[in-house]
N, C-alpha and C. Protein backbone atom coordinates (compact mmCIF):
# COMPACT_ATOMS: atom_id res chain seq x y z
N MET A 1 0.85 -1.17 0.00
CA MET A 1 0.00 0.00 0.00
C MET A 1 0.89 1.23 0.00
N SER A 2 0.56 2.21 -0.79
CA SER A 2 1.35 3.43 -0.87
C SER A 2 1.38 4.12 0.49
N GLU A 3 2.58 4.47 0.94
CA GLU A 3 2.74 5.07 2.26
C GLU A 3 2.08 6.44 2.35
N LYS A 4 2.11 7.23 1.27
CA LYS A 4 1.62 8.60 1.29
C LYS A 4 0.11 8.68 1.11
N MET A 5 -0.50 7.63 0.63
CA MET A 5 -1.91 7.65 0.32
C MET A 5 -2.76 7.63 1.59
N GLU A 6 -3.69 8.56 1.68
CA GLU A 6 -4.60 8.58 2.83
C GLU A 6 -5.73 7.59 2.58
N ILE A 7 -5.94 6.69 3.51
CA ILE A 7 -6.95 5.64 3.37
C ILE A 7 -8.19 6.03 4.16
N ASN A 8 -9.35 5.91 3.51
CA ASN A 8 -10.64 6.19 4.14
C ASN A 8 -11.42 4.89 4.27
N ILE A 9 -11.84 4.60 5.49
CA ILE A 9 -12.57 3.36 5.76
C ILE A 9 -13.91 3.70 6.41
N LEU A 10 -14.96 3.03 5.95
CA LEU A 10 -16.30 3.18 6.51
C LEU A 10 -16.64 1.92 7.29
N ILE A 11 -17.00 2.11 8.57
CA ILE A 11 -17.41 0.98 9.42
C ILE A 11 -18.91 1.10 9.64
N ILE A 12 -19.65 0.03 9.33
CA ILE A 12 -21.09 0.01 9.55
C ILE A 12 -21.37 -1.10 10.57
N GLU A 13 -21.71 -0.69 11.78
CA GLU A 13 -21.90 -1.63 12.91
C GLU A 13 -22.89 -1.01 13.88
N ASP A 14 -23.91 -1.79 14.29
CA ASP A 14 -24.94 -1.24 15.18
C ASP A 14 -24.60 -1.38 16.67
N ASP A 15 -23.57 -2.12 17.00
CA ASP A 15 -23.13 -2.24 18.39
C ASP A 15 -22.14 -1.10 18.64
N ARG A 16 -22.59 -0.06 19.38
CA ARG A 16 -21.78 1.15 19.56
C ARG A 16 -20.41 0.83 20.16
N SER A 17 -20.34 -0.06 21.12
CA SER A 17 -19.07 -0.40 21.76
C SER A 17 -18.09 -1.00 20.74
N LEU A 18 -18.57 -1.95 19.95
CA LEU A 18 -17.73 -2.57 18.93
C LEU A 18 -17.35 -1.54 17.86
N LEU A 19 -18.30 -0.72 17.46
CA LEU A 19 -18.05 0.32 16.47
C LEU A 19 -16.92 1.24 16.93
N ASN A 20 -17.00 1.70 18.18
CA ASN A 20 -15.98 2.59 18.72
C ASN A 20 -14.62 1.89 18.83
N SER A 21 -14.63 0.63 19.23
CA SER A 21 -13.38 -0.13 19.34
C SER A 21 -12.72 -0.31 17.97
N LEU A 22 -13.53 -0.67 16.98
CA LEU A 22 -12.99 -0.84 15.62
C LEU A 22 -12.44 0.48 15.09
N ALA A 23 -13.20 1.55 15.29
CA ALA A 23 -12.77 2.87 14.81
C ALA A 23 -11.43 3.26 15.45
N ALA A 24 -11.30 3.05 16.75
CA ALA A 24 -10.06 3.39 17.46
C ALA A 24 -8.89 2.56 16.92
N LEU A 25 -9.13 1.27 16.72
CA LEU A 25 -8.09 0.37 16.20
C LEU A 25 -7.60 0.85 14.83
N LEU A 26 -8.52 1.19 13.96
CA LEU A 26 -8.15 1.59 12.60
C LEU A 26 -7.50 2.97 12.57
N ARG A 27 -7.97 3.85 13.44
CA ARG A 27 -7.34 5.19 13.51
C ARG A 27 -5.89 5.09 14.00
N ARG A 28 -5.62 4.14 14.90
CA ARG A 28 -4.23 3.94 15.36
C ARG A 28 -3.31 3.53 14.21
N GLU A 29 -3.90 2.94 13.18
CA GLU A 29 -3.12 2.55 11.99
C GLU A 29 -2.88 3.75 11.07
N GLY A 30 -3.50 4.88 11.40
CA GLY A 30 -3.32 6.08 10.59
C GLY A 30 -4.39 6.27 9.52
N TRP A 31 -5.41 5.43 9.55
CA TRP A 31 -6.47 5.53 8.55
C TRP A 31 -7.56 6.49 9.01
N ARG A 32 -8.19 7.15 8.08
CA ARG A 32 -9.36 7.98 8.38
C ARG A 32 -10.56 7.05 8.46
N VAL A 33 -11.37 7.25 9.48
CA VAL A 33 -12.50 6.34 9.70
C VAL A 33 -13.80 7.12 9.77
N ASP A 34 -14.78 6.63 9.04
CA ASP A 34 -16.13 7.15 9.05
C ASP A 34 -17.00 6.02 9.63
N THR A 35 -18.00 6.35 10.42
CA THR A 35 -18.82 5.30 11.03
C THR A 35 -20.30 5.52 10.76
N ALA A 36 -21.03 4.42 10.79
CA ALA A 36 -22.49 4.45 10.64
C ALA A 36 -23.06 3.30 11.44
N MET A 37 -24.24 3.53 12.03
CA MET A 37 -24.88 2.47 12.82
C MET A 37 -26.07 1.84 12.10
N THR A 38 -26.44 2.38 10.94
CA THR A 38 -27.54 1.82 10.15
C THR A 38 -27.13 1.78 8.69
N GLY A 39 -27.85 0.99 7.92
CA GLY A 39 -27.60 0.94 6.49
C GLY A 39 -27.89 2.27 5.82
N ARG A 40 -28.95 2.90 6.22
CA ARG A 40 -29.33 4.20 5.64
C ARG A 40 -28.23 5.23 5.88
N GLU A 41 -27.72 5.26 7.11
CA GLU A 41 -26.64 6.19 7.45
C GLU A 41 -25.38 5.88 6.63
N ALA A 42 -25.11 4.61 6.43
CA ALA A 42 -23.94 4.21 5.64
C ALA A 42 -24.08 4.68 4.19
N LEU A 43 -25.28 4.56 3.63
CA LEU A 43 -25.50 5.01 2.26
C LEU A 43 -25.28 6.52 2.14
N THR A 44 -25.77 7.26 3.13
CA THR A 44 -25.57 8.71 3.13
C THR A 44 -24.08 9.04 3.19
N ARG A 45 -23.36 8.35 4.07
CA ARG A 45 -21.91 8.60 4.20
C ARG A 45 -21.18 8.25 2.90
N SER A 46 -21.58 7.16 2.27
CA SER A 46 -20.89 6.75 1.04
C SER A 46 -21.20 7.70 -0.12
N GLU A 47 -22.35 8.35 -0.08
CA GLU A 47 -22.69 9.33 -1.12
C GLU A 47 -21.94 10.64 -0.91
N LYS A 48 -21.65 10.96 0.35
CA LYS A 48 -20.99 12.24 0.67
C LYS A 48 -19.47 12.17 0.57
N GLY A 49 -18.92 10.99 0.65
CA GLY A 49 -17.47 10.88 0.63
C GLY A 49 -17.01 9.55 0.08
N PHE A 50 -15.76 9.52 -0.35
CA PHE A 50 -15.17 8.31 -0.92
C PHE A 50 -14.51 7.47 0.17
N HIS A 51 -14.73 6.17 0.08
CA HIS A 51 -14.09 5.22 1.00
C HIS A 51 -13.38 4.14 0.19
N HIS A 52 -12.20 3.80 0.63
CA HIS A 52 -11.44 2.73 -0.02
C HIS A 52 -11.99 1.36 0.37
N LEU A 53 -12.55 1.28 1.59
CA LEU A 53 -12.98 0.00 2.12
C LEU A 53 -14.14 0.22 3.09
N ALA A 54 -15.07 -0.73 3.11
CA ALA A 54 -16.18 -0.71 4.07
C ALA A 54 -16.18 -2.02 4.83
N ILE A 55 -16.39 -1.91 6.14
CA ILE A 55 -16.58 -3.08 7.01
C ILE A 55 -18.05 -3.06 7.39
N ILE A 56 -18.77 -4.11 7.02
CA ILE A 56 -20.23 -4.11 7.13
C ILE A 56 -20.71 -5.24 8.04
N ASP A 57 -21.45 -4.88 9.07
CA ASP A 57 -22.09 -5.88 9.92
C ASP A 57 -23.22 -6.52 9.12
N ILE A 58 -23.40 -7.81 9.27
CA ILE A 58 -24.43 -8.52 8.50
C ILE A 58 -25.84 -8.17 8.96
N ARG A 59 -25.99 -7.86 10.26
CA ARG A 59 -27.32 -7.53 10.78
C ARG A 59 -27.34 -6.09 11.29
N LEU A 60 -28.11 -5.27 10.61
CA LEU A 60 -28.26 -3.87 10.98
C LEU A 60 -29.72 -3.62 11.33
N PRO A 61 -30.01 -2.57 12.08
CA PRO A 61 -31.39 -2.36 12.52
C PRO A 61 -32.38 -2.09 11.38
N ASP A 62 -31.91 -1.50 10.28
CA ASP A 62 -32.84 -1.13 9.21
C ASP A 62 -32.73 -1.97 7.95
N MET A 63 -31.68 -2.79 7.85
CA MET A 63 -31.54 -3.67 6.68
C MET A 63 -30.46 -4.70 6.94
N GLU A 64 -30.46 -5.74 6.16
CA GLU A 64 -29.41 -6.75 6.24
C GLU A 64 -28.15 -6.20 5.57
N GLY A 65 -27.01 -6.61 6.10
CA GLY A 65 -25.75 -6.19 5.49
C GLY A 65 -25.64 -6.61 4.04
N THR A 66 -26.25 -7.75 3.70
CA THR A 66 -26.21 -8.19 2.30
C THR A 66 -27.01 -7.24 1.41
N ASP A 67 -28.10 -6.69 1.93
CA ASP A 67 -28.86 -5.69 1.16
C ASP A 67 -28.02 -4.44 0.95
N LEU A 68 -27.30 -4.04 1.98
CA LEU A 68 -26.44 -2.87 1.88
C LEU A 68 -25.32 -3.12 0.86
N LEU A 69 -24.79 -4.33 0.84
CA LEU A 69 -23.77 -4.69 -0.15
C LEU A 69 -24.27 -4.42 -1.56
N GLY A 70 -25.49 -4.84 -1.83
CA GLY A 70 -26.07 -4.63 -3.15
C GLY A 70 -26.16 -3.16 -3.50
N LYS A 71 -26.46 -2.34 -2.52
CA LYS A 71 -26.58 -0.89 -2.75
C LYS A 71 -25.21 -0.22 -2.90
N LEU A 72 -24.21 -0.77 -2.24
CA LEU A 72 -22.85 -0.20 -2.33
C LEU A 72 -22.05 -0.79 -3.50
N ARG A 73 -22.60 -1.81 -4.12
CA ARG A 73 -21.89 -2.55 -5.17
C ARG A 73 -21.37 -1.65 -6.29
N ASN A 74 -22.17 -0.66 -6.65
CA ASN A 74 -21.80 0.18 -7.79
C ASN A 74 -21.18 1.51 -7.38
N ALA A 75 -20.61 1.56 -6.18
CA ALA A 75 -19.95 2.79 -5.74
C ALA A 75 -18.83 3.13 -6.72
N VAL A 76 -18.70 4.43 -7.00
CA VAL A 76 -17.66 4.86 -7.92
C VAL A 76 -16.79 5.89 -7.21
N PRO A 77 -15.50 5.71 -7.18
CA PRO A 77 -14.80 4.48 -7.57
C PRO A 77 -15.13 3.35 -6.61
N PRO A 78 -14.90 2.13 -7.06
CA PRO A 78 -15.26 0.98 -6.24
C PRO A 78 -14.48 0.90 -4.93
N MET A 79 -15.11 0.32 -3.91
CA MET A 79 -14.44 0.12 -2.63
C MET A 79 -14.42 -1.37 -2.32
N GLN A 80 -13.46 -1.77 -1.52
CA GLN A 80 -13.43 -3.14 -1.02
C GLN A 80 -14.49 -3.24 0.07
N LYS A 81 -15.14 -4.40 0.17
CA LYS A 81 -16.19 -4.59 1.15
C LYS A 81 -15.94 -5.87 1.95
N ILE A 82 -15.89 -5.70 3.27
CA ILE A 82 -15.70 -6.83 4.18
C ILE A 82 -16.96 -6.98 5.01
N ILE A 83 -17.55 -8.18 4.99
CA ILE A 83 -18.68 -8.49 5.87
C ILE A 83 -18.11 -9.02 7.17
N LEU A 84 -18.63 -8.50 8.28
CA LEU A 84 -18.22 -8.94 9.61
C LEU A 84 -19.49 -9.40 10.32
N THR A 85 -19.53 -10.67 10.69
CA THR A 85 -20.76 -11.20 11.26
C THR A 85 -20.54 -12.05 12.50
N GLY A 86 -21.48 -11.96 13.39
CA GLY A 86 -21.52 -12.84 14.55
C GLY A 86 -22.51 -13.97 14.32
N TYR A 87 -23.13 -13.98 13.13
CA TYR A 87 -24.15 -14.98 12.77
C TYR A 87 -23.77 -15.65 11.46
N PRO A 88 -22.68 -16.42 11.49
CA PRO A 88 -22.23 -17.03 10.23
C PRO A 88 -23.16 -18.15 9.78
N ASP A 89 -23.48 -18.14 8.52
CA ASP A 89 -24.13 -19.29 7.92
C ASP A 89 -23.79 -19.31 6.43
N LEU A 90 -23.80 -20.48 5.87
CA LEU A 90 -23.36 -20.67 4.49
C LEU A 90 -24.20 -19.85 3.51
N GLU A 91 -25.50 -19.81 3.72
CA GLU A 91 -26.38 -19.07 2.81
C GLU A 91 -26.01 -17.58 2.77
N ASN A 92 -25.80 -16.99 3.96
CA ASN A 92 -25.41 -15.58 4.01
C ASN A 92 -24.03 -15.35 3.40
N ALA A 93 -23.12 -16.27 3.62
CA ALA A 93 -21.78 -16.13 3.07
C ALA A 93 -21.83 -16.14 1.54
N VAL A 94 -22.57 -17.07 0.97
CA VAL A 94 -22.70 -17.17 -0.48
C VAL A 94 -23.39 -15.92 -1.03
N LYS A 95 -24.47 -15.50 -0.37
CA LYS A 95 -25.19 -14.30 -0.79
C LYS A 95 -24.27 -13.07 -0.74
N ALA A 96 -23.50 -12.95 0.33
CA ALA A 96 -22.60 -11.82 0.48
C ALA A 96 -21.57 -11.77 -0.65
N VAL A 97 -20.98 -12.89 -0.95
CA VAL A 97 -19.98 -12.94 -2.03
C VAL A 97 -20.62 -12.62 -3.37
N ASN A 98 -21.80 -13.17 -3.61
CA ASN A 98 -22.50 -12.90 -4.87
C ASN A 98 -22.89 -11.43 -5.02
N LEU A 99 -23.08 -10.74 -3.90
CA LEU A 99 -23.46 -9.33 -3.94
C LEU A 99 -22.26 -8.38 -3.85
N GLY A 100 -21.07 -8.95 -3.89
CA GLY A 100 -19.90 -8.09 -3.99
C GLY A 100 -18.99 -8.02 -2.78
N ALA A 101 -19.23 -8.85 -1.76
CA ALA A 101 -18.31 -8.85 -0.61
C ALA A 101 -16.96 -9.42 -1.07
N ASP A 102 -15.91 -8.75 -0.66
CA ASP A 102 -14.57 -9.22 -0.99
C ASP A 102 -14.04 -10.19 0.05
N LEU A 103 -14.65 -10.12 1.25
CA LEU A 103 -14.21 -10.97 2.34
C LEU A 103 -15.35 -11.13 3.34
N TYR A 104 -15.42 -12.29 3.98
CA TYR A 104 -16.47 -12.61 4.94
C TYR A 104 -15.77 -13.08 6.21
N LEU A 105 -15.85 -12.27 7.27
CA LEU A 105 -15.16 -12.58 8.52
C LEU A 105 -16.16 -12.81 9.65
N ILE A 106 -15.76 -13.63 10.60
CA ILE A 106 -16.65 -13.99 11.71
C ILE A 106 -16.17 -13.36 13.01
N LYS A 107 -17.14 -12.75 13.72
CA LYS A 107 -16.88 -12.17 15.05
C LYS A 107 -16.91 -13.29 16.07
N PRO A 108 -16.20 -13.16 17.15
CA PRO A 108 -15.20 -12.12 17.39
C PRO A 108 -13.95 -12.42 16.57
N ILE A 109 -13.27 -11.36 16.18
CA ILE A 109 -12.04 -11.52 15.40
C ILE A 109 -10.92 -10.79 16.14
N GLU A 110 -9.77 -11.40 16.17
CA GLU A 110 -8.62 -10.78 16.84
C GLU A 110 -8.19 -9.56 16.04
N PRO A 111 -7.84 -8.48 16.73
CA PRO A 111 -7.45 -7.24 16.04
C PRO A 111 -6.36 -7.45 14.99
N GLU A 112 -5.36 -8.26 15.29
CA GLU A 112 -4.26 -8.49 14.35
C GLU A 112 -4.77 -9.14 13.07
N LYS A 113 -5.69 -10.08 13.21
CA LYS A 113 -6.25 -10.76 12.02
C LYS A 113 -7.09 -9.79 11.20
N LEU A 114 -7.85 -8.94 11.86
CA LEU A 114 -8.66 -7.96 11.15
C LEU A 114 -7.75 -6.97 10.41
N LEU A 115 -6.72 -6.48 11.09
CA LEU A 115 -5.81 -5.53 10.44
C LEU A 115 -5.12 -6.16 9.24
N LYS A 116 -4.71 -7.41 9.36
CA LYS A 116 -4.09 -8.10 8.23
C LYS A 116 -5.08 -8.23 7.08
N ALA A 117 -6.31 -8.58 7.39
CA ALA A 117 -7.34 -8.72 6.34
C ALA A 117 -7.57 -7.38 5.63
N ILE A 118 -7.63 -6.31 6.40
CA ILE A 118 -7.85 -4.98 5.82
C ILE A 118 -6.66 -4.60 4.94
N LYS A 119 -5.46 -4.80 5.43
CA LYS A 119 -4.27 -4.46 4.64
C LYS A 119 -4.22 -5.27 3.35
N ASP A 120 -4.58 -6.55 3.43
CA ASP A 120 -4.62 -7.40 2.23
C ASP A 120 -5.64 -6.87 1.22
N GLN A 121 -6.81 -6.46 1.72
CA GLN A 121 -7.85 -5.94 0.82
C GLN A 121 -7.43 -4.60 0.21
N LEU A 122 -6.79 -3.76 0.98
CA LEU A 122 -6.32 -2.47 0.45
C LEU A 122 -5.24 -2.69 -0.60
N LYS A 123 -4.37 -3.66 -0.37
CA LYS A 123 -3.33 -3.98 -1.36
C LYS A 123 -3.98 -4.52 -2.64
N LYS A 124 -4.97 -5.37 -2.49
CA LYS A 124 -5.68 -5.92 -3.64
C LYS A 124 -6.33 -4.79 -4.44
N ARG A 125 -6.96 -3.84 -3.75
CA ARG A 125 -7.61 -2.72 -4.41
C ARG A 125 -6.58 -1.88 -5.16
N GLU A 126 -5.44 -1.62 -4.50
CA GLU A 126 -4.38 -0.82 -5.14
C GLU A 126 -3.89 -1.51 -6.41
N GLU A 127 -3.73 -2.83 -6.38
CA GLU A 127 -3.28 -3.57 -7.55
C GLU A 127 -4.31 -3.51 -8.67
N GLU A 128 -5.61 -3.59 -8.32
CA GLU A 128 -6.67 -3.50 -9.32
C GLU A 128 -6.70 -2.12 -9.97
N VAL A 129 -6.51 -1.07 -9.17
CA VAL A 129 -6.49 0.30 -9.70
C VAL A 129 -5.29 0.46 -10.63
N LYS A 130 -4.13 -0.03 -10.22
CA LYS A 130 -2.91 0.07 -11.03
C LYS A 130 -3.10 -0.66 -12.36
N TYR A 131 -3.69 -1.86 -12.31
CA TYR A 131 -3.95 -2.64 -13.52
C TYR A 131 -4.88 -1.88 -14.46
N SER A 132 -5.94 -1.29 -13.91
CA SER A 132 -6.88 -0.51 -14.73
C SER A 132 -6.18 0.68 -15.36
N GLN A 133 -5.35 1.37 -14.61
CA GLN A 133 -4.63 2.52 -15.14
C GLN A 133 -3.67 2.10 -16.26
N GLU A 134 -3.04 0.95 -16.08
CA GLU A 134 -2.14 0.46 -17.13
C GLU A 134 -2.91 0.15 -18.39
N LYS A 135 -4.08 -0.45 -18.26
CA LYS A 135 -4.90 -0.79 -19.42
C LYS A 135 -5.36 0.47 -20.15
N VAL A 136 -5.76 1.49 -19.41
CA VAL A 136 -6.17 2.76 -20.01
C VAL A 136 -4.97 3.38 -20.73
N GLY A 137 -3.81 3.34 -20.10
CA GLY A 137 -2.59 3.88 -20.73
C GLY A 137 -2.27 3.16 -22.03
N GLU A 138 -2.40 1.83 -22.04
CA GLU A 138 -2.15 1.05 -23.26
C GLU A 138 -3.15 1.43 -24.35
N TYR A 139 -4.39 1.58 -23.99
CA TYR A 139 -5.43 1.95 -24.94
C TYR A 139 -5.12 3.31 -25.57
N ILE A 140 -4.74 4.27 -24.73
CA ILE A 140 -4.43 5.62 -25.23
C ILE A 140 -3.23 5.57 -26.18
N LYS A 141 -2.19 4.81 -25.82
CA LYS A 141 -1.02 4.70 -26.69
C LYS A 141 -1.40 4.08 -28.03
N THR A 142 -2.22 3.04 -27.99
CA THR A 142 -2.64 2.37 -29.22
C THR A 142 -3.45 3.32 -30.10
N ARG A 143 -4.42 4.01 -29.50
CA ARG A 143 -5.26 4.94 -30.26
C ARG A 143 -4.43 6.09 -30.81
N THR A 144 -3.47 6.59 -30.04
CA THR A 144 -2.61 7.68 -30.51
C THR A 144 -1.80 7.22 -31.71
N ALA A 145 -1.22 6.03 -31.62
CA ALA A 145 -0.42 5.49 -32.72
C ALA A 145 -1.30 5.29 -33.96
N GLU A 146 -2.51 4.78 -33.79
CA GLU A 146 -3.42 4.60 -34.92
C GLU A 146 -3.77 5.94 -35.57
N THR A 147 -3.99 6.95 -34.75
CA THR A 147 -4.33 8.29 -35.26
C THR A 147 -3.16 8.86 -36.05
N GLU A 148 -1.95 8.70 -35.50
CA GLU A 148 -0.76 9.22 -36.18
C GLU A 148 -0.54 8.52 -37.52
N ARG A 149 -0.94 7.26 -37.62
CA ARG A 149 -0.80 6.52 -38.89
C ARG A 149 -2.01 6.73 -39.79
N GLY A 150 -3.00 7.47 -39.32
CA GLY A 150 -4.21 7.71 -40.11
C GLY A 150 -5.15 6.53 -40.16
N GLU A 151 -5.07 5.64 -39.17
CA GLU A 151 -5.89 4.42 -39.16
C GLU A 151 -7.20 4.56 -38.41
N VAL A 152 -7.40 5.67 -37.73
CA VAL A 152 -8.60 5.82 -36.93
C VAL A 152 -9.73 6.31 -37.81
N VAL A 153 -10.84 5.61 -37.75
CA VAL A 153 -12.02 5.99 -38.50
C VAL A 153 -13.06 6.47 -37.53
N VAL A 154 -13.59 7.64 -37.76
CA VAL A 154 -14.63 8.20 -36.90
C VAL A 154 -15.98 7.93 -37.56
N ASN A 155 -16.88 7.34 -36.82
CA ASN A 155 -18.21 7.06 -37.36
C ASN A 155 -19.00 8.35 -37.46
N GLU A 156 -19.46 8.64 -38.65
CA GLU A 156 -20.29 9.83 -38.84
C GLU A 156 -21.71 9.37 -39.08
N LYS A 157 -22.66 10.07 -38.47
CA LYS A 157 -24.07 9.72 -38.64
C LYS A 157 -24.80 10.81 -39.33
């Protein structure tokens, strides 16, 4: 992960004590943390600001975490999404992955394991962004070369 890059993380958890503990843990790592206790609040926060990663409780007072995943799925730019649940079951795990969860973790989780999972997801995101940028760069070089050779045809209607 780039050392200079400021990381923004959104935590969605309805247990205030756990929410505060997670926020404190992540802030100690130097990350900026935004919090929400409901799905609706999380959607508002995600619309107002960009987050690199979201940690989502599976059970929220106003919606299931899997429903929230579906709503956050098309965030632009995309964010990594980790489901954190105290109610693990195979059906929810499959649903979460199908709706865009990048990782499914079970509570309670040791802080070191959570931090490693977050760092791994942030690294994965950084690699995906770099790959996308490289592909765009290749496309631009190809199109520029085609234009210089007079090979580009513009569709006229």
